[in-house]
N, C-alpha and C. Protein backbone atom coordinates (compact mmCIF):
# COMPACT_ATOMS: atom_id res chain seq x y z
N MET A 1 -5.23 -9.11 -16.34
CA MET A 1 -3.55 -9.06 -16.53
C MET A 1 -3.29 -10.31 -16.94
N PRO A 2 -2.91 -10.98 -18.37
CA PRO A 2 -2.45 -12.40 -18.27
C PRO A 2 -1.30 -12.55 -17.59
N ALA A 3 -1.03 -14.22 -17.91
CA ALA A 3 0.02 -14.25 -16.79
C ALA A 3 0.97 -14.41 -17.75
N ILE A 4 1.98 -13.98 -16.97
CA ILE A 4 3.47 -13.20 -17.06
C ILE A 4 4.95 -14.01 -16.16
N THR A 5 5.84 -13.93 -16.74
CA THR A 5 7.01 -14.20 -16.03
C THR A 5 7.58 -12.82 -15.18
N PRO A 6 8.49 -13.12 -14.31
CA PRO A 6 9.00 -12.71 -13.07
C PRO A 6 9.57 -11.39 -13.55
N GLU A 7 10.38 -11.89 -14.49
CA GLU A 7 11.21 -10.95 -15.38
C GLU A 7 10.32 -9.52 -16.24
N GLN A 8 9.53 -10.06 -16.90
CA GLN A 8 8.44 -9.53 -17.66
C GLN A 8 7.46 -8.08 -16.22
N PHE A 9 7.41 -8.88 -15.30
CA PHE A 9 6.72 -7.67 -14.28
C PHE A 9 7.30 -7.26 -13.76
N LEU A 10 8.59 -7.50 -13.79
CA LEU A 10 9.58 -6.76 -13.25
C LEU A 10 10.45 -5.60 -13.86
N ALA A 11 10.02 -5.70 -14.82
CA ALA A 11 10.17 -4.66 -16.21
C ALA A 11 9.29 -3.74 -15.88
N ARG A 12 7.72 -4.15 -15.77
CA ARG A 12 6.97 -3.09 -16.11
C ARG A 12 6.31 -2.46 -14.72
N VAL A 13 6.61 -3.12 -13.59
CA VAL A 13 6.99 -2.36 -12.62
C VAL A 13 7.58 -1.50 -12.54
N ARG A 14 9.08 -1.63 -13.29
CA ARG A 14 10.33 -0.67 -12.70
C ARG A 14 10.06 0.53 -13.82
N LYS A 15 8.95 0.59 -15.62
CA LYS A 15 8.58 1.71 -15.92
C LYS A 15 7.00 2.04 -15.16
N GLN A 16 6.67 1.77 -15.05
CA GLN A 16 5.45 1.76 -14.42
C GLN A 16 4.22 1.91 -14.66
N ALA A 17 4.27 0.93 -15.78
CA ALA A 17 3.56 0.92 -16.96
C ALA A 17 2.59 -0.14 -17.28
N PRO A 18 1.61 -0.56 -17.03
CA PRO A 18 0.82 0.64 -16.49
C PRO A 18 0.69 0.63 -14.91
N ALA A 19 -0.23 1.28 -14.39
CA ALA A 19 -0.31 1.78 -13.24
C ALA A 19 -1.21 0.60 -12.70
N PRO A 20 -0.14 0.74 -11.47
CA PRO A 20 -0.21 -1.16 -10.71
C PRO A 20 -1.91 -1.05 -10.61
N ALA A 21 -2.00 -2.45 -10.74
CA ALA A 21 -3.48 -3.20 -10.58
C ALA A 21 -4.06 -3.07 -9.29
N PRO A 22 -5.36 -3.38 -9.00
CA PRO A 22 -5.82 -2.94 -7.53
C PRO A 22 -5.04 -4.71 -6.68
N ALA A 23 -4.93 -5.62 -7.71
CA ALA A 23 -4.51 -6.70 -6.84
C ALA A 23 -3.98 -7.69 -7.77
N TYR A 24 -3.30 -8.58 -6.74
CA TYR A 24 -2.01 -9.25 -7.74
C TYR A 24 -1.98 -10.45 -7.05
N LEU A 25 -1.62 -11.52 -7.75
CA LEU A 25 -2.18 -13.19 -7.32
C LEU A 25 -0.50 -13.52 -7.84
N PHE A 26 0.62 -13.50 -6.89
CA PHE A 26 1.99 -14.48 -7.36
C PHE A 26 2.31 -15.60 -7.06
N LEU A 27 2.04 -16.97 -8.19
CA LEU A 27 1.84 -17.52 -8.17
C LEU A 27 3.08 -18.82 -8.77
N GLY A 28 3.54 -19.56 -8.63
CA GLY A 28 4.90 -20.06 -8.92
C GLY A 28 5.90 -20.94 -7.82
N PRO A 29 6.51 -21.99 -8.56
CA PRO A 29 7.17 -22.97 -8.03
C PRO A 29 8.04 -22.14 -7.47
N GLU A 30 8.81 -21.16 -7.58
CA GLU A 30 10.19 -20.43 -6.88
C GLU A 30 9.33 -19.24 -6.01
N ALA A 31 10.01 -19.90 -4.45
CA ALA A 31 9.49 -18.62 -3.57
C ALA A 31 10.72 -17.41 -3.93
N TYR A 32 11.56 -17.22 -4.30
CA TYR A 32 12.49 -16.32 -4.26
C TYR A 32 11.98 -15.19 -5.78
N TYR A 33 11.32 -15.84 -6.75
CA TYR A 33 10.87 -15.01 -7.53
C TYR A 33 9.79 -14.07 -7.34
N ARG A 34 8.92 -14.63 -6.25
CA ARG A 34 8.03 -14.72 -5.88
C ARG A 34 8.15 -13.69 -5.04
N ARG A 35 8.56 -13.57 -3.71
CA ARG A 35 9.22 -12.59 -3.38
C ARG A 35 9.87 -11.32 -3.81
N LEU A 36 10.06 -11.80 -4.79
CA LEU A 36 11.28 -10.21 -5.35
C LEU A 36 10.16 -9.34 -6.20
N CYS A 37 9.70 -10.39 -6.87
CA CYS A 37 8.25 -9.35 -7.92
C CYS A 37 7.06 -8.31 -6.35
N LYS A 38 7.00 -9.14 -5.50
CA LYS A 38 5.44 -8.87 -4.15
C LYS A 38 6.97 -7.41 -3.42
N GLU A 39 8.27 -7.95 -3.29
CA GLU A 39 9.16 -6.50 -3.08
C GLU A 39 9.12 -5.30 -4.32
N ALA A 40 8.95 -5.29 -4.79
CA ALA A 40 9.30 -4.43 -6.26
C ALA A 40 8.21 -3.70 -6.58
N LEU A 41 7.46 -4.54 -6.23
CA LEU A 41 5.51 -3.77 -6.46
C LEU A 41 5.80 -2.95 -4.90
N ILE A 42 6.04 -3.37 -4.37
CA ILE A 42 5.77 -2.63 -2.96
C ILE A 42 6.39 -1.54 -3.02
N ALA A 43 7.72 -1.56 -3.07
CA ALA A 43 9.01 -0.34 -3.44
C ALA A 43 8.36 0.59 -3.99
N GLU A 44 8.15 0.24 -5.41
CA GLU A 44 6.90 1.04 -6.03
C GLU A 44 5.77 2.13 -6.18
N ALA A 45 4.89 0.97 -5.30
CA ALA A 45 3.69 1.69 -5.07
C ALA A 45 3.10 2.73 -3.43
N LEU A 46 5.31 2.39 -3.16
CA LEU A 46 4.74 2.88 -1.56
C LEU A 46 5.81 3.48 -1.04
N ASN A 47 6.33 4.79 -0.57
CA ASN A 47 7.70 5.58 0.01
C ASN A 47 7.63 4.67 1.14
N ALA A 48 8.91 4.51 1.65
CA ALA A 48 8.98 3.99 2.59
C ALA A 48 7.84 4.74 4.21
N GLU A 49 7.77 5.61 4.04
CA GLU A 49 7.10 6.39 5.48
C GLU A 49 5.56 5.78 4.74
N SER A 50 5.19 5.98 3.88
CA SER A 50 3.17 5.29 3.38
C SER A 50 3.61 3.52 4.19
N ARG A 51 4.50 2.79 3.96
CA ARG A 51 4.38 1.24 3.95
C ARG A 51 4.00 0.79 5.24
N ALA A 52 4.46 2.20 6.26
CA ALA A 52 3.63 1.35 7.58
C ALA A 52 1.82 1.65 7.93
N GLU A 53 1.32 2.35 7.04
CA GLU A 53 -0.20 2.48 6.69
C GLU A 53 -0.44 1.97 5.99
N GLY A 54 -0.21 1.87 4.29
CA GLY A 54 -0.17 1.83 3.32
C GLY A 54 -0.02 0.13 2.98
N LEU A 55 0.19 -0.98 4.11
CA LEU A 55 0.36 -2.08 3.45
C LEU A 55 -0.21 -3.40 4.72
N THR A 56 -0.85 -3.21 4.06
CA THR A 56 -1.29 -4.62 5.27
C THR A 56 -1.19 -6.54 4.64
N GLN A 57 -0.77 -6.48 5.51
CA GLN A 57 -0.29 -8.03 5.19
C GLN A 57 -0.93 -9.41 5.82
N ILE A 58 -1.29 -10.09 5.49
CA ILE A 58 -2.88 -10.54 6.27
C ILE A 58 -2.48 -12.51 6.08
N ASP A 59 -2.13 -12.69 7.13
CA ASP A 59 -1.89 -14.71 7.34
C ASP A 59 -3.47 -15.41 6.66
N LEU A 60 -3.82 -15.50 5.82
CA LEU A 60 -4.97 -16.49 5.70
C LEU A 60 -5.73 -18.29 6.19
N GLU A 61 -3.70 -18.38 7.36
CA GLU A 61 -4.66 -19.41 8.00
C GLU A 61 -5.42 -18.46 9.40
N GLU A 62 -4.82 -17.69 9.59
CA GLU A 62 -5.58 -17.18 10.65
C GLU A 62 -6.72 -16.42 10.73
N THR A 63 -7.09 -15.49 9.64
CA THR A 63 -7.67 -14.30 8.96
C THR A 63 -8.61 -15.10 8.53
N SER A 64 -10.13 -14.94 8.76
CA SER A 64 -11.37 -15.41 7.83
C SER A 64 -11.57 -14.61 6.81
N LEU A 65 -11.96 -15.07 5.36
CA LEU A 65 -12.04 -14.28 4.65
C LEU A 65 -13.26 -12.34 5.02
N ARG A 66 -13.59 -12.74 5.47
CA ARG A 66 -14.48 -11.92 6.17
C ARG A 66 -13.99 -10.50 6.79
N GLU A 67 -13.26 -11.12 7.79
CA GLU A 67 -12.39 -9.89 8.05
C GLU A 67 -11.52 -9.08 7.44
N ILE A 68 -11.40 -9.82 6.35
CA ILE A 68 -10.40 -9.48 5.34
C ILE A 68 -10.84 -8.69 4.56
N LEU A 69 -12.27 -9.12 4.06
CA LEU A 69 -13.17 -7.85 3.26
C LEU A 69 -13.72 -6.46 4.07
N ASP A 70 -13.93 -6.81 5.04
CA ASP A 70 -14.05 -5.73 6.36
C ASP A 70 -13.02 -4.95 6.61
N ASP A 71 -12.09 -5.41 6.63
CA ASP A 71 -10.64 -4.71 6.25
C ASP A 71 -10.55 -3.65 5.49
N ALA A 72 -10.78 -4.42 4.10
CA ALA A 72 -11.09 -3.36 2.57
C ALA A 72 -11.84 -2.99 2.46
N ARG A 73 -13.19 -2.24 3.36
CA ARG A 73 -14.12 -1.67 2.83
C ARG A 73 -14.27 -0.46 3.86
N SER A 74 -12.67 -1.23 4.51
CA SER A 74 -12.92 0.47 5.93
C SER A 74 -11.93 1.89 5.70
N LEU A 75 -12.19 2.44 5.70
CA LEU A 75 -11.87 3.78 5.40
C LEU A 75 -10.51 3.79 6.29
N SER A 76 -9.29 4.14 5.89
CA SER A 76 -8.52 5.00 6.65
C SER A 76 -9.10 5.94 7.25
N LEU A 77 -8.49 5.70 8.36
CA LEU A 77 -8.56 7.19 9.32
C LEU A 77 -7.14 8.54 8.93
N PHE A 78 -6.74 7.95 8.20
CA PHE A 78 -5.21 8.77 7.88
C PHE A 78 -5.58 8.88 6.66
N THR A 79 -6.23 9.08 5.98
CA THR A 79 -6.33 9.39 4.29
C THR A 79 -6.57 10.72 3.96
N PRO A 80 -5.89 10.98 3.32
CA PRO A 80 -6.37 12.49 3.58
C PRO A 80 -7.71 13.51 2.66
């Protein structure tokens, strides 16, 4: 996906078109907009009950890339 403004991203997420991408990278000088876009994406992708199992937040200062990739490759025990 090419670079878009926070407003464009929020409009796309709210319309749910197209389907969410496998990964997103939020960059920009405004932490407010990065947080707003992240929260909108999470709200649209996962309902409240699914967030505990379906969302992983990683601190890159504490976690190695190898650990992140291992976690991403592992299957969840709760997957239907």
